[in-house]
Every structure is written in structure tokens, then in C-alpha cells.
């Protein structure tokens, strides 16, 4: 376990960053993955998140190995289970699903992988993972057997986030789930931003306007997944957006 905080400092240092979520299950075709990496580099995205709810260890390792051989963008593990770890990654989002009450995803998977993670030279980022209702039954909700918090239940969301911070979480990740019909409400992000803990937001983000709203509300990172899978050239739009933000 690395004591360096390079990735954490990078995430914390500014709002308005972008990560691309890569599902190893959908990357068996390395030609498509190679194209995605080239366009992600061209767009100057900040991070690549790798993982998924139903990914096998072989799929995960193959995907991470290929990305590290073909990309210089920081790779963060977004684990769906204890076997989704690799010493080749730059950091591990050490997710605890604090919006649910399934002990496996609160601490169980962590115990199973603790010894292996502890011995890796890997930056570990304790992250409070909070599922927000996104209009679909997402894979993570189904696999974890947990119920997302409705987006209009502000007091529950806020108290869950505060509990995570009091437990020592360094990041808060709000996820509406893969293929969500709508993203995490802007009002939620604005309220959580007042807690002064770095915010990651994913799920249901499909337009530049939504990315801008999420960033303006206070998110350090907006995570784009399904939209890139459906339209890889959206990365060209993201490039223009990033250039405009950094002017």
C-alpha cells in the first residue's frame, strides 16, 4: 500500500475534471479499446476508471494490462468485487457502499482482498459510495442487493455522506448507475459540496450541458460511461469542453 497521495491530491485540487469509465466485459475487442484510448488521450481526459459489477478476474486483468501498455492517463480501479485489483493500476477507489446495508459491500469484499491490497504499491483511496435512484434497476443495485436512495431524500443523502466522512472516507462517489435515465440531481451535488470533501458523480450523464451543470454544482469529477460506449466520438466534444473550461 503506497503512502503517496498523488491521485488524491490531483482529485482534490480542482473541480471540473472528467473520467471515462471502462467496463472490462465490453473490451474483449482490443481494437475498439485502442481507439477509445487514443481519443481519450486526444480529449485530455483526467482519469480512466476500470471495473464493473459482473467482471471476471481474467477480464479485469487483461483490460488493465492492455490499458497500461497503451495509455499514460492515470488508471483508477473502480472495483465491483474483491478480485478486481491489480498492482499495475495507479490507484484503487476503495469503495464502501454506505448507502446500502449489505455487509459484503460495506466491508466483506475489503476483508477478502485486504492482505493482497496491503502488500501492493498502490494508492488506496477510501471512498464512500452512495447509490442514487436513476430511473433504472442498475447492475450495481441488483448485484449488491441494495436499494438506491431517492434523489429527493436530501436529508438521508446528506446524513449518509456525513457518516462516510466521519468514518474517514476521503472521497464521496455518487452514482445513479450504469444506463441511468437521469443523473444525480444538481441540488444534491450543491448540498454535498458544502461538506468540503471531493465529489465524484457518475451515471446518466449524456450531454455536455449535463457535465457543465454537474461541475458547476461542485463535482470534482464527472464520470462518463455508457455515452462513450454508444458514441465514441463524444470524446471529441469533451475535448472542446475541456479546452473551453481551461481557457
Protein backbone atom coordinates (compact mmCIF):
# COMPACT_ATOMS: atom_id res chain seq x y z
CA UNK A 1 0.00 0.00 0.00
CA UNK A 2 1.53 3.27 -1.15
CA UNK A 3 1.66 6.19 1.28
CA UNK A 4 1.79 8.67 -1.61
CA UNK A 5 -1.32 10.75 -2.21
CA UNK A 6 -0.65 11.86 -5.77
CA UNK A 7 -4.02 10.85 -7.19
CA UNK A 8 -5.97 12.03 -4.14
CA UNK A 9 -4.24 15.39 -4.29
CA UNK A 10 -5.00 15.64 -8.00
CA UNK A 11 -8.68 14.90 -7.48
CA UNK A 12 -8.92 17.28 -4.54
CA UNK A 13 -7.05 20.11 -6.22
CA UNK A 14 -9.79 21.25 -8.59
CA UNK A 15 -13.37 20.92 -9.77
CA UNK A 16 -14.37 20.15 -13.34
CA UNK A 17 -12.35 17.01 -14.09
CA UNK A 18 -13.53 14.13 -16.28
CA UNK A 19 -13.10 10.37 -16.00
CA UNK A 20 -14.04 7.73 -18.55
CA UNK A 21 -15.48 4.51 -17.10
CA UNK A 22 -14.30 1.38 -18.92
CA UNK A 23 -16.14 -1.91 -18.38
CA UNK A 24 -13.70 -4.82 -18.99
CA UNK A 25 -16.60 -7.08 -20.00
CA UNK A 26 -17.09 -4.91 -23.07
CA UNK A 27 -13.40 -4.65 -24.01
CA UNK A 28 -12.62 -8.08 -25.42
CA UNK A 29 -12.21 -6.33 -28.78
CA UNK A 30 -8.88 -4.59 -28.18
CA UNK A 31 -9.16 -2.65 -31.44
CA UNK A 32 -12.16 -0.78 -30.02
CA UNK A 33 -10.39 -0.27 -26.70
CA UNK A 34 -7.32 1.03 -28.53
CA UNK A 35 -9.48 3.55 -30.40
CA UNK A 36 -11.09 4.67 -27.15
CA UNK A 37 -7.69 5.19 -25.53
CA UNK A 38 -6.41 7.24 -28.46
CA UNK A 39 -9.46 9.50 -28.39
CA UNK A 40 -9.34 9.76 -24.60
CA UNK A 41 -5.73 10.96 -24.90
CA UNK A 42 -6.72 13.40 -27.63
CA UNK A 43 -9.53 14.73 -25.43
CA UNK A 44 -7.15 15.14 -22.47
CA UNK A 45 -9.47 13.38 -20.01
CA UNK A 46 -8.10 13.28 -16.48
CA UNK A 47 -8.66 9.67 -15.45
CA UNK A 48 -9.69 6.22 -16.61
CA UNK A 49 -11.86 4.21 -14.20
CA UNK A 50 -11.83 0.44 -14.79
CA UNK A 51 -14.23 -2.09 -13.29
CA UNK A 52 -17.77 -3.41 -13.27
CA UNK A 53 -20.36 -5.29 -11.26
CA UNK A 54 -20.01 -8.68 -13.01
CA UNK A 55 -16.44 -8.64 -14.36
CA UNK A 56 -14.28 -11.76 -14.05
CA UNK A 57 -10.69 -11.54 -12.79
CA UNK A 58 -9.32 -12.57 -16.19
CA UNK A 59 -11.35 -9.89 -17.99
CA UNK A 60 -10.25 -7.30 -15.47
CA UNK A 61 -6.53 -8.15 -15.57
CA UNK A 62 -6.45 -8.31 -19.37
CA UNK A 63 -8.14 -4.92 -19.64
CA UNK A 64 -5.84 -3.23 -17.10
CA UNK A 65 -2.73 -4.72 -18.72
CA UNK A 66 -3.77 -3.50 -22.17
CA UNK A 67 -4.59 0.00 -20.92
CA UNK A 68 -1.28 0.38 -19.07
CA UNK A 69 0.60 -0.73 -22.17
CA UNK A 70 -1.22 1.76 -24.38
CA UNK A 71 -2.07 4.75 -22.21
CA UNK A 72 -0.45 7.30 -19.90
CA UNK A 73 -3.75 8.51 -18.42
CA UNK A 74 -3.96 7.67 -14.68
CA UNK A 75 -5.87 4.41 -14.21
CA UNK A 76 -8.07 4.06 -11.14
CA UNK A 77 -9.69 0.75 -10.21
CA UNK A 78 -13.46 1.02 -9.78
CA UNK A 79 -13.98 -2.40 -8.21
CA UNK A 80 -17.19 -4.37 -8.34
CA UNK A 81 -15.76 -7.19 -6.23
CA UNK A 82 -12.68 -8.22 -4.23
CA UNK A 83 -10.93 -9.86 -7.21
CA UNK A 84 -10.83 -6.64 -9.24
CA UNK A 85 -7.39 -5.42 -8.18
CA UNK A 86 -4.09 -5.01 -9.97
CA UNK A 87 -0.68 -3.71 -8.94
CA UNK A 88 -0.37 -2.07 -12.36
CA UNK A 89 -3.11 0.47 -11.61
CA UNK A 90 -2.26 3.94 -10.33
CA UNK A 91 -4.86 3.92 -7.56
CA UNK A 92 -7.75 1.96 -6.10
CA UNK A 93 -11.08 3.56 -5.31
CA UNK A 94 -11.62 1.65 -2.06
CA UNK A 95 -15.40 1.71 -2.30
CA UNK A 96 -17.65 1.12 0.67
CA UNK A 97 -21.32 1.04 -0.37
CA UNK A 98 -22.55 3.17 2.53
CA UNK A 99 -25.99 3.82 1.03
CA UNK A 100 -26.81 0.11 1.41
CA UNK A 101 -26.88 -2.35 4.28
CA UNK A 102 -25.29 -5.36 2.58
CA UNK A 103 -22.24 -6.22 4.74
CA UNK A 104 -20.40 -7.75 1.78
CA UNK A 105 -20.19 -4.37 0.07
CA UNK A 106 -19.70 -2.40 3.28
CA UNK A 107 -16.68 -4.44 4.46
CA UNK A 108 -16.83 -8.08 3.29
CA UNK A 109 -15.06 -7.73 -0.06
CA UNK A 110 -12.49 -5.48 1.61
CA UNK A 111 -11.57 -8.19 4.12
CA UNK A 112 -11.18 -10.77 1.34
CA UNK A 113 -8.71 -8.59 -0.58
CA UNK A 114 -7.07 -6.71 2.32
CA UNK A 115 -3.85 -8.71 2.51
CA UNK A 116 -3.24 -8.53 -1.24
CA UNK A 117 -4.02 -4.81 -1.42
CA UNK A 118 -1.92 -4.04 1.66
CA UNK A 119 1.17 -5.55 0.01
CA UNK A 120 0.72 -3.68 -3.28
CA UNK A 121 2.46 -0.42 -4.12
CA UNK A 122 -0.94 1.07 -4.87
CA UNK A 123 -2.51 4.33 -3.77
CA UNK A 124 -5.67 3.42 -1.88
CA UNK A 125 -8.48 5.99 -1.81
CA UNK A 126 -11.11 5.34 0.91
CA UNK A 127 -14.36 6.23 -0.84
CA UNK A 128 -17.92 6.47 0.40
CA UNK A 129 -20.01 5.01 -2.43
CA UNK A 130 -23.62 6.23 -2.50
CA UNK A 131 -26.21 4.97 -4.97
CA UNK A 132 -28.87 7.48 -6.02
CA UNK A 133 -32.06 6.47 -7.83
CA UNK A 134 -31.50 6.92 -11.58
CA UNK A 135 -34.74 5.59 -13.06
CA UNK A 136 -33.47 2.08 -13.82
CA UNK A 137 -32.60 -1.08 -11.91
CA UNK A 138 -28.85 -0.75 -12.30
CA UNK A 139 -26.43 -3.67 -12.30
CA UNK A 140 -24.73 -2.50 -9.12
CA UNK A 141 -28.06 -2.24 -7.26
CA UNK A 142 -29.03 -5.74 -8.45
CA UNK A 143 -25.68 -7.39 -7.70
CA UNK A 144 -25.24 -5.68 -4.33
CA UNK A 145 -28.92 -6.26 -3.42
CA UNK A 146 -29.20 -2.69 -2.15
CA UNK A 147 -31.78 0.00 -2.81
CA UNK A 148 -30.61 3.38 -4.16
CA UNK A 149 -31.60 6.48 -2.20
CA UNK A 150 -34.32 8.52 -3.96
CA UNK A 151 -32.85 11.76 -5.29
CA UNK A 152 -35.38 13.88 -3.40
CA UNK A 153 -34.48 12.43 0.03
CA UNK A 154 -31.92 15.12 0.75
CA UNK A 155 -31.64 14.56 4.50
CA UNK A 156 -30.91 10.83 4.03
CA UNK A 157 -28.32 11.55 1.32
CA UNK A 158 -26.69 14.28 3.39
CA UNK A 159 -26.54 12.22 6.58
CA UNK A 160 -25.17 9.23 4.67
CA UNK A 161 -22.41 11.42 3.23
CA UNK A 162 -21.62 12.90 6.65
CA UNK A 163 -21.42 9.41 8.14
CA UNK A 164 -18.92 8.43 5.46
CA UNK A 165 -16.79 11.49 6.19
CA UNK A 166 -16.86 10.75 9.92
CA UNK A 167 -15.71 7.21 9.14
CA UNK A 168 -12.67 8.68 7.39
CA UNK A 169 -13.67 8.48 3.75
CA UNK A 170 -11.52 10.80 1.61
CA UNK A 171 -13.88 10.88 -1.39
CA UNK A 172 -17.63 10.69 -1.94
CA UNK A 173 -18.84 8.92 -5.09
CA UNK A 174 -22.48 9.46 -6.06
CA UNK A 175 -23.71 7.04 -8.73
CA UNK A 176 -27.07 6.86 -10.49
CA UNK A 177 -25.94 3.57 -12.05
CA UNK A 178 -24.95 2.36 -15.49
CA UNK A 179 -27.51 3.32 -18.12
CA UNK A 180 -29.45 5.55 -15.73
CA UNK A 181 -32.30 7.57 -17.24
CA UNK A 182 -31.28 10.60 -15.22
CA UNK A 183 -28.17 11.68 -13.35
CA UNK A 184 -27.67 12.62 -9.69
CA UNK A 185 -29.75 15.76 -9.01
CA UNK A 186 -27.85 19.03 -9.19
CA UNK A 187 -29.37 20.08 -5.85
CA UNK A 188 -27.77 17.04 -4.21
CA UNK A 189 -24.33 17.91 -5.56
CA UNK A 190 -24.69 21.52 -4.42
CA UNK A 191 -25.57 20.44 -0.86
CA UNK A 192 -22.79 17.85 -0.67
CA UNK A 193 -20.30 20.41 -1.97
CA UNK A 194 -20.78 22.32 1.31
CA UNK A 195 -19.15 19.41 3.17
CA UNK A 196 -15.75 20.21 1.62
CA UNK A 197 -14.99 16.64 0.62
CA UNK A 198 -14.07 15.81 -3.02
CA UNK A 199 -17.07 14.63 -5.04
CA UNK A 200 -17.24 12.12 -7.91
CA UNK A 201 -20.51 11.86 -9.85
CA UNK A 202 -21.45 9.14 -12.35
CA UNK A 203 -24.43 7.59 -14.08
CA UNK A 204 -26.85 9.05 -16.60
CA UNK A 205 -24.51 11.78 -17.87
CA UNK A 206 -25.07 12.07 -21.59
CA UNK A 207 -24.56 15.69 -22.70
CA UNK A 208 -22.02 18.47 -22.37
CA UNK A 209 -24.71 20.57 -20.72
CA UNK A 210 -25.14 17.97 -18.01
CA UNK A 211 -21.38 17.75 -17.48
CA UNK A 212 -21.20 21.51 -17.11
CA UNK A 213 -24.10 21.58 -14.64
CA UNK A 214 -22.53 18.83 -12.54
CA UNK A 215 -19.17 20.60 -12.49
CA UNK A 216 -20.71 23.97 -11.68
CA UNK A 217 -22.61 22.38 -8.78
CA UNK A 218 -19.29 21.32 -7.26
CA UNK A 219 -18.24 17.92 -8.60
CA UNK A 220 -14.50 17.32 -8.81
CA UNK A 221 -15.02 14.54 -11.36
CA UNK A 222 -17.87 13.72 -13.75
CA UNK A 223 -17.71 10.08 -14.88
CA UNK A 224 -18.87 9.20 -18.39
CA UNK A 225 -19.53 5.56 -19.30
CA UNK A 226 -22.46 4.40 -21.43
CA UNK A 227 -22.47 7.52 -23.60
CA UNK A 228 -18.91 6.79 -24.76
CA UNK A 229 -19.79 3.15 -25.43
CA UNK A 230 -22.68 4.28 -27.65
CA UNK A 231 -20.89 7.21 -29.31
CA UNK A 232 -17.10 7.19 -29.01
CA UNK A 233 -16.90 10.48 -30.90
CA UNK A 234 -18.49 12.17 -27.89
CA UNK A 235 -14.88 12.31 -26.70
CA UNK A 236 -14.27 14.93 -29.40
CA UNK A 237 -17.00 17.07 -27.84
CA UNK A 238 -15.42 16.50 -24.44
CA UNK A 239 -12.10 17.75 -25.82
CA UNK A 240 -13.74 21.02 -26.86
CA UNK A 241 -15.42 21.29 -23.47
CA UNK A 242 -12.15 20.73 -21.59
CA UNK A 243 -10.34 23.31 -23.72
CA UNK A 244 -13.10 25.84 -23.06
CA UNK A 245 -13.05 25.18 -19.30
CA UNK A 246 -9.26 25.54 -19.14
CA UNK A 247 -9.10 28.80 -21.13
